[in-house]
Amino acid sequence: MFDPRELTLSLEDLETVPHGLDLVIAIHGFVDAGAAAEAAAAAILDTLPHRSIVEFDTDVLIDHRSRRPRILFNEDKIEEYLPHSLTLLVVEDDAGVPFLLLTGPEPDWMWERFTDAVLDLIERLGVASTTIITSIGMPVPHTRPLVSTVSGNRVELIEQYSAWRPVSQVPGSVIHRIEHRLHPIAPVVTFTVLVPHYVGESGSAGPALAALEGVTSATSLAFRTEELRQADREFQQLVAQQMETNEELVRIVRTLEARYDAFMAQSSVRSPLTDEDGSLPSADEIAEELERYLQQRRRPGADPLG
């Protein structure tokens, strides 16, 4: 019989870790449009005191041929090998309140055993609540506040913050499995940020900010978001500059704004994501154009603000 604890390596005696903390899960991979979870976790670890307490065996969990680790090649030698890291950490928020953070790449293998291992840690550490952050690409405008689909068993958060409640069958991820397993036994909530699909991976910090705001809503934890907010302001300025000369992008954004506003006002439009006939507005060419523009502006020597 496989022991799920074989997937973990405790870096310190877990009995010394404060019990009853909130757990934040920010695993990146399939459900991480705009790198919301990855960027949110990076912002936490870049700005707040933390220490690792458990490492997962990525040599077993990750397909290294599909997601290859990075190396640093320096002229005539391999200077550094940067393995994948899937880690549980203790972090202190901006007010000194400790919490747990599980972050790293989504496992490719052993989802059930990985979930067993996570639930085992939740039980051993007496976790008070689990908050999961994810994101998906949707036809929503970048000019409006990013909203979320909220799921789990914390009804008060779902009622207050869930802007879109679809009924659909979609590909799952291991974080969906964790929420599903926790639902009948412990407090759990997932904030899935709806990220503008034409923005893609262009560098917007908005999705990460929205994800952290979801965590704050669920846990009252305080984060340092100044750098993310500055990055988001610069991104908004870049997109605004492109819109000044791209009438097609303006047309699409205005259409998305109208649909978004109508939905948020509880109109007869079924959702901010589809036309009345259920079709999705295509923005692929605009997304490519936007990405080319932003890549050009990010070249060495370019003024990011024009």
Protein backbone atom coordinates (compact mmCIF):
# COMPACT_ATOMS: atom_id res chain seq x y z
CA MET A 1 0.00 0.00 0.00
CA PHE A 2 1.44 3.37 -1.04
CA ASP A 3 1.94 5.83 1.83
CA PRO A 4 1.23 9.38 0.55
CA ARG A 5 3.84 10.69 3.01
CA GLU A 6 6.46 9.10 0.77
CA LEU A 7 5.84 12.02 -1.61
CA THR A 8 6.93 14.57 1.01
CA LEU A 9 10.11 15.48 2.83
CA SER A 10 9.62 17.38 6.08
CA LEU A 11 12.30 20.05 6.46
CA GLU A 12 11.49 20.55 10.14
CA ASP A 13 9.48 18.85 12.84
CA LEU A 14 5.86 19.67 11.97
CA GLU A 15 5.01 19.65 15.67
CA THR A 16 6.93 22.93 15.93
CA VAL A 17 4.80 24.55 13.21
CA PRO A 18 1.90 26.61 14.60
CA HIS A 19 -1.37 24.74 14.20
CA GLY A 20 -4.67 26.24 13.10
CA LEU A 21 -3.22 28.44 10.33
CA ASP A 22 -4.95 29.29 7.07
CA LEU A 23 -3.61 27.54 3.97
CA VAL A 24 -3.27 29.28 0.60
CA ILE A 25 -2.75 27.05 -2.46
CA ALA A 26 -1.21 28.77 -5.51
CA ILE A 27 -0.20 25.95 -7.85
CA HIS A 28 0.54 26.99 -11.42
CA GLY A 29 0.03 25.05 -14.60
CA PHE A 30 -3.11 24.24 -16.54
CA VAL A 31 -5.49 26.60 -14.68
CA ASP A 32 -3.33 29.73 -14.45
CA ALA A 33 -4.25 32.20 -17.20
CA GLY A 34 -2.18 35.35 -17.03
CA ALA A 35 0.09 33.54 -14.52
CA ALA A 36 -2.22 34.72 -11.73
CA ALA A 37 -1.32 32.03 -9.18
CA GLU A 38 2.36 31.92 -10.11
CA ALA A 39 2.76 35.71 -9.98
CA ALA A 40 0.75 35.98 -6.75
CA ALA A 41 2.94 33.36 -5.07
CA ALA A 42 6.08 35.07 -6.36
CA ALA A 43 4.89 38.42 -4.97
CA ILE A 44 4.26 36.80 -1.58
CA LEU A 45 7.67 35.15 -1.44
CA ASP A 46 9.49 38.24 -2.77
CA THR A 47 8.05 40.56 -0.13
CA LEU A 48 7.21 38.56 3.01
CA PRO A 49 9.27 36.51 5.51
CA HIS A 50 8.94 32.78 4.91
CA ARG A 51 10.51 29.39 5.45
CA SER A 52 9.98 26.04 3.74
CA ILE A 53 8.65 23.24 5.94
CA VAL A 54 7.75 20.47 3.46
CA GLU A 55 9.04 19.63 -0.01
CA PHE A 56 7.20 17.36 -2.44
CA ASP A 57 9.09 14.86 -4.58
CA THR A 58 8.98 16.57 -7.97
CA ASP A 59 11.16 13.82 -9.44
CA VAL A 60 8.11 11.57 -9.07
CA LEU A 61 5.31 14.11 -9.61
CA ILE A 62 6.56 16.17 -12.58
CA ASP A 63 7.07 15.12 -16.20
CA HIS A 64 10.46 16.71 -16.79
CA ARG A 65 10.34 16.16 -20.55
CA SER A 66 7.21 18.30 -20.93
CA ARG A 67 8.32 20.91 -18.38
CA ARG A 68 12.07 20.93 -18.38
CA PRO A 69 14.02 22.47 -15.47
CA ARG A 70 16.17 25.49 -16.27
CA ILE A 71 19.94 25.56 -16.30
CA LEU A 72 22.36 28.49 -16.24
CA PHE A 73 25.04 27.99 -18.89
CA ASN A 74 28.04 30.26 -18.38
CA GLU A 75 30.40 30.31 -21.41
CA ASP A 76 31.96 26.87 -20.98
CA LYS A 77 30.14 25.20 -18.12
CA ILE A 78 26.76 24.53 -16.57
CA GLU A 79 26.89 26.83 -13.59
CA GLU A 80 23.50 26.15 -12.07
CA TYR A 81 20.68 23.62 -12.34
CA LEU A 82 17.29 24.94 -11.25
CA PRO A 83 14.99 22.02 -10.37
CA HIS A 84 11.25 22.27 -10.03
CA SER A 85 10.09 23.04 -6.51
CA LEU A 86 6.68 22.17 -5.05
CA THR A 87 6.81 23.38 -1.48
CA LEU A 88 4.74 24.06 1.62
CA LEU A 89 5.94 27.17 3.44
CA VAL A 90 5.12 29.16 6.55
CA VAL A 91 4.79 32.85 5.65
CA GLU A 92 4.14 35.95 7.74
CA ASP A 93 1.78 38.46 6.15
CA ASP A 94 2.32 42.22 6.20
CA ALA A 95 0.85 42.40 9.72
CA GLY A 96 2.98 39.54 11.02
CA VAL A 97 0.17 36.95 10.89
CA PRO A 98 1.50 33.49 9.94
CA PHE A 99 -0.15 31.36 7.26
CA LEU A 100 0.72 28.38 5.08
CA LEU A 101 1.46 28.60 1.35
CA LEU A 102 1.59 25.62 -1.00
CA THR A 103 3.10 26.62 -4.32
CA GLY A 104 4.91 25.22 -7.32
CA PRO A 105 4.04 23.45 -10.58
CA GLU A 106 0.93 21.29 -10.82
CA PRO A 107 1.87 17.59 -10.62
CA ASP A 108 1.66 15.62 -13.86
CA TRP A 109 1.46 12.27 -12.09
CA MET A 110 -0.13 10.69 -9.00
CA TRP A 111 -2.95 13.17 -8.52
CA GLU A 112 -4.80 11.01 -5.99
CA ARG A 113 -1.67 10.30 -3.98
CA PHE A 114 -0.63 13.95 -4.10
CA THR A 115 -4.11 14.96 -2.93
CA ASP A 116 -3.88 12.38 -0.13
CA ALA A 117 -0.56 13.89 0.92
CA VAL A 118 -2.00 17.45 0.92
CA LEU A 119 -5.04 16.38 2.96
CA ASP A 120 -2.75 14.54 5.37
CA LEU A 121 -0.75 17.73 5.93
CA ILE A 122 -3.97 19.73 6.38
CA GLU A 123 -5.06 17.31 9.10
CA ARG A 124 -1.67 17.09 10.82
CA LEU A 125 -1.31 20.88 10.91
CA GLY A 126 -4.93 21.51 11.94
CA VAL A 127 -5.44 23.91 9.01
CA ALA A 128 -8.27 26.36 9.78
CA SER A 129 -9.30 26.96 6.15
CA THR A 130 -7.98 26.39 2.64
CA THR A 131 -8.08 29.10 -0.03
CA ILE A 132 -7.15 28.14 -3.59
CA ILE A 133 -6.37 30.66 -6.35
CA THR A 134 -6.68 29.86 -10.06
CA SER A 135 -7.50 31.71 -13.26
CA ILE A 136 -8.95 31.07 -16.70
CA GLY A 137 -8.95 33.10 -19.92
CA MET A 138 -12.32 34.61 -20.81
CA PRO A 139 -13.65 37.33 -23.15
CA VAL A 140 -13.78 40.07 -20.53
CA PRO A 141 -12.38 43.60 -20.92
CA HIS A 142 -9.10 44.64 -19.32
CA THR A 143 -10.69 48.06 -18.63
CA ARG A 144 -13.05 46.69 -15.97
CA PRO A 145 -12.33 45.18 -12.54
CA LEU A 146 -11.40 41.52 -12.83
CA VAL A 147 -14.05 39.26 -11.33
CA SER A 148 -14.00 35.65 -10.19
CA THR A 149 -15.98 32.47 -10.14
CA VAL A 150 -15.98 31.32 -6.53
CA SER A 151 -16.54 27.71 -5.53
CA GLY A 152 -16.24 25.54 -2.44
CA ASN A 153 -18.29 25.32 0.75
CA ARG A 154 -17.92 28.84 2.18
CA VAL A 155 -21.33 30.06 1.10
CA GLU A 156 -20.89 33.60 2.38
CA LEU A 157 -17.88 34.13 0.08
CA ILE A 158 -19.62 32.57 -2.90
CA GLU A 159 -22.67 34.80 -2.39
CA GLN A 160 -20.57 37.94 -2.07
CA TYR A 161 -17.82 37.46 -4.65
CA SER A 162 -18.84 34.93 -7.32
CA ALA A 163 -19.70 36.97 -10.43
CA TRP A 164 -20.26 34.04 -12.78
CA ARG A 165 -21.75 30.65 -11.92
CA PRO A 166 -21.66 28.38 -14.95
CA VAL A 167 -22.87 24.80 -15.26
CA SER A 168 -20.33 23.13 -17.52
CA GLN A 169 -18.08 20.13 -17.94
CA VAL A 170 -14.46 21.18 -18.39
CA PRO A 171 -11.00 19.60 -18.08
CA GLY A 172 -10.01 19.30 -14.44
CA SER A 173 -6.80 19.92 -12.54
CA VAL A 174 -5.35 18.59 -9.32
CA ILE A 175 -6.51 21.70 -7.47
CA HIS A 176 -10.08 20.88 -8.47
CA ARG A 177 -9.53 17.45 -6.96
CA ILE A 178 -8.23 18.97 -3.73
CA GLU A 179 -11.30 21.24 -3.46
CA HIS A 180 -13.61 18.30 -4.24
CA ARG A 181 -12.04 16.12 -1.55
CA LEU A 182 -12.06 18.91 1.05
CA HIS A 183 -15.64 20.03 0.38
CA PRO A 184 -17.41 17.60 2.76
CA ILE A 185 -14.81 17.73 5.55
CA ALA A 186 -13.20 21.17 5.93
CA PRO A 187 -13.62 24.86 4.98
CA VAL A 188 -12.42 25.43 1.40
CA VAL A 189 -12.91 28.13 -1.22
CA THR A 190 -11.48 28.59 -4.71
CA PHE A 191 -11.22 31.97 -6.43
CA THR A 192 -10.97 31.50 -10.21
CA VAL A 193 -10.09 34.88 -11.71
CA LEU A 194 -11.57 35.58 -15.15
CA VAL A 195 -8.65 36.96 -17.17
CA PRO A 196 -9.07 38.84 -20.48
CA HIS A 197 -8.33 36.24 -23.13
CA TYR A 198 -6.75 38.72 -25.53
CA VAL A 199 -4.19 39.73 -22.93
CA GLY A 200 -2.85 36.20 -22.42
CA GLU A 201 0.69 36.10 -21.07
CA SER A 202 1.49 39.69 -21.98
CA GLY A 203 2.63 40.70 -18.53
CA SER A 204 -0.43 42.11 -16.80
CA ALA A 205 -0.21 42.03 -13.00
CA GLY A 206 -3.98 42.46 -12.69
CA PRO A 207 -4.77 38.72 -12.41
CA ALA A 208 -2.28 38.28 -9.55
CA LEU A 209 -3.73 41.31 -7.76
CA ALA A 210 -7.26 39.94 -8.14
CA ALA A 211 -6.12 36.56 -6.83
CA LEU A 212 -4.53 38.13 -3.74
CA GLU A 213 -7.65 40.21 -3.14
CA GLY A 214 -9.61 36.95 -3.12
CA VAL A 215 -7.27 35.51 -0.51
CA THR A 216 -7.65 38.63 1.62
CA SER A 217 -11.44 38.38 1.37
CA ALA A 218 -11.30 34.79 2.59
CA THR A 219 -8.62 35.09 5.28
CA SER A 220 -8.08 38.80 6.12
CA LEU A 221 -4.36 38.29 5.35
CA ALA A 222 -2.51 41.45 4.29
CA PHE A 223 -0.10 41.47 1.35
CA ARG A 224 2.42 43.92 -0.07
CA THR A 225 1.14 44.70 -3.54
CA GLU A 226 2.87 47.98 -4.41
CA GLU A 227 5.09 46.47 -7.11
CA LEU A 228 2.20 44.53 -8.64
CA ARG A 229 0.05 47.66 -8.74
CA GLN A 230 2.83 49.66 -10.39
CA ALA A 231 3.36 46.90 -12.97
CA ASP A 232 -0.37 46.83 -13.66
CA ARG A 233 -0.47 50.62 -14.14
CA GLU A 234 2.39 50.41 -16.65
CA PHE A 235 0.66 47.56 -18.49
CA GLN A 236 -2.60 49.52 -18.68
CA GLN A 237 -0.70 52.49 -20.11
CA LEU A 238 0.92 50.32 -22.78
CA VAL A 239 -2.41 48.86 -23.85
CA ALA A 240 -4.02 52.31 -23.84
CA GLN A 241 -1.26 53.57 -26.14
CA GLN A 242 -1.87 50.74 -28.58
CA MET A 243 -5.61 51.33 -28.53
CA GLU A 244 -5.00 54.90 -29.70
CA THR A 245 -3.84 53.54 -33.07
CA ASN A 246 -5.76 50.26 -33.34
CA GLU A 247 -9.42 50.76 -34.17
CA GLU A 248 -10.13 47.02 -34.27
CA LEU A 249 -8.85 46.55 -30.72
CA VAL A 250 -10.96 49.51 -29.60
CA ARG A 251 -14.04 47.97 -31.20
CA ILE A 252 -13.52 44.60 -29.53
CA VAL A 253 -12.82 46.13 -26.12
CA ARG A 254 -15.90 48.37 -26.36
CA THR A 255 -18.01 45.33 -27.26
CA LEU A 256 -16.65 43.39 -24.30
CA GLU A 257 -17.24 46.39 -22.03
CA ALA A 258 -20.88 46.64 -23.10
CA ARG A 259 -21.45 42.93 -22.54
CA TYR A 260 -19.66 43.03 -19.18
CA ASP A 261 -21.60 46.08 -17.98
CA ALA A 262 -24.90 44.59 -19.07
CA PHE A 263 -24.21 41.36 -17.23
CA MET A 264 -23.01 43.09 -14.07
CA ALA A 265 -26.20 45.14 -14.12
CA GLN A 266 -28.16 41.84 -14.16
CA SER A 267 -29.52 42.34 -17.66
CA SER A 268 -31.03 39.64 -19.84
CA VAL A 269 -27.64 38.85 -21.36
CA ARG A 270 -26.76 35.36 -20.15
CA SER A 271 -23.17 36.08 -19.17
CA PRO A 272 -20.33 38.54 -19.83
CA LEU A 273 -18.62 35.79 -21.83
CA THR A 274 -20.92 35.04 -24.76
CA ASP A 275 -23.10 36.68 -27.34
CA GLU A 276 -26.82 36.07 -27.16
CA ASP A 277 -26.45 33.16 -29.57
CA GLY A 278 -23.83 31.61 -27.27
CA SER A 279 -20.83 32.29 -29.52
CA LEU A 280 -17.52 33.62 -28.22
CA PRO A 281 -16.10 36.79 -29.74
CA SER A 282 -12.78 35.97 -31.43
CA ALA A 283 -9.82 38.09 -30.43
CA ASP A 284 -6.95 35.85 -31.55
CA GLU A 285 -5.56 38.28 -34.11
CA ILE A 286 -5.84 41.14 -31.66
CA ALA A 287 -4.10 39.09 -28.98
CA GLU A 288 -1.22 38.35 -31.34
CA GLU A 289 -1.00 42.00 -32.35
CA LEU A 290 -1.05 43.09 -28.71
CA GLU A 291 1.66 40.60 -27.76
CA ARG A 292 3.89 41.73 -30.65
CA TYR A 293 3.42 45.34 -29.56
CA LEU A 294 4.27 44.60 -25.94
CA GLN A 295 7.28 42.47 -26.87
CA GLN A 296 8.58 45.34 -28.97
CA ARG A 297 8.12 47.77 -26.09
CA ARG A 298 9.97 45.40 -23.74
CA ARG A 299 13.09 45.24 -25.92
CA PRO A 300 16.32 46.55 -24.30
CA GLY A 301 16.50 50.30 -24.49
CA ALA A 302 12.79 50.79 -25.08
CA ASP A 303 10.98 53.26 -22.85
CA PRO A 304 8.20 51.19 -21.19
CA LEU A 305 5.99 54.25 -20.86
CA GLY A 306 6.66 55.76 -24.23
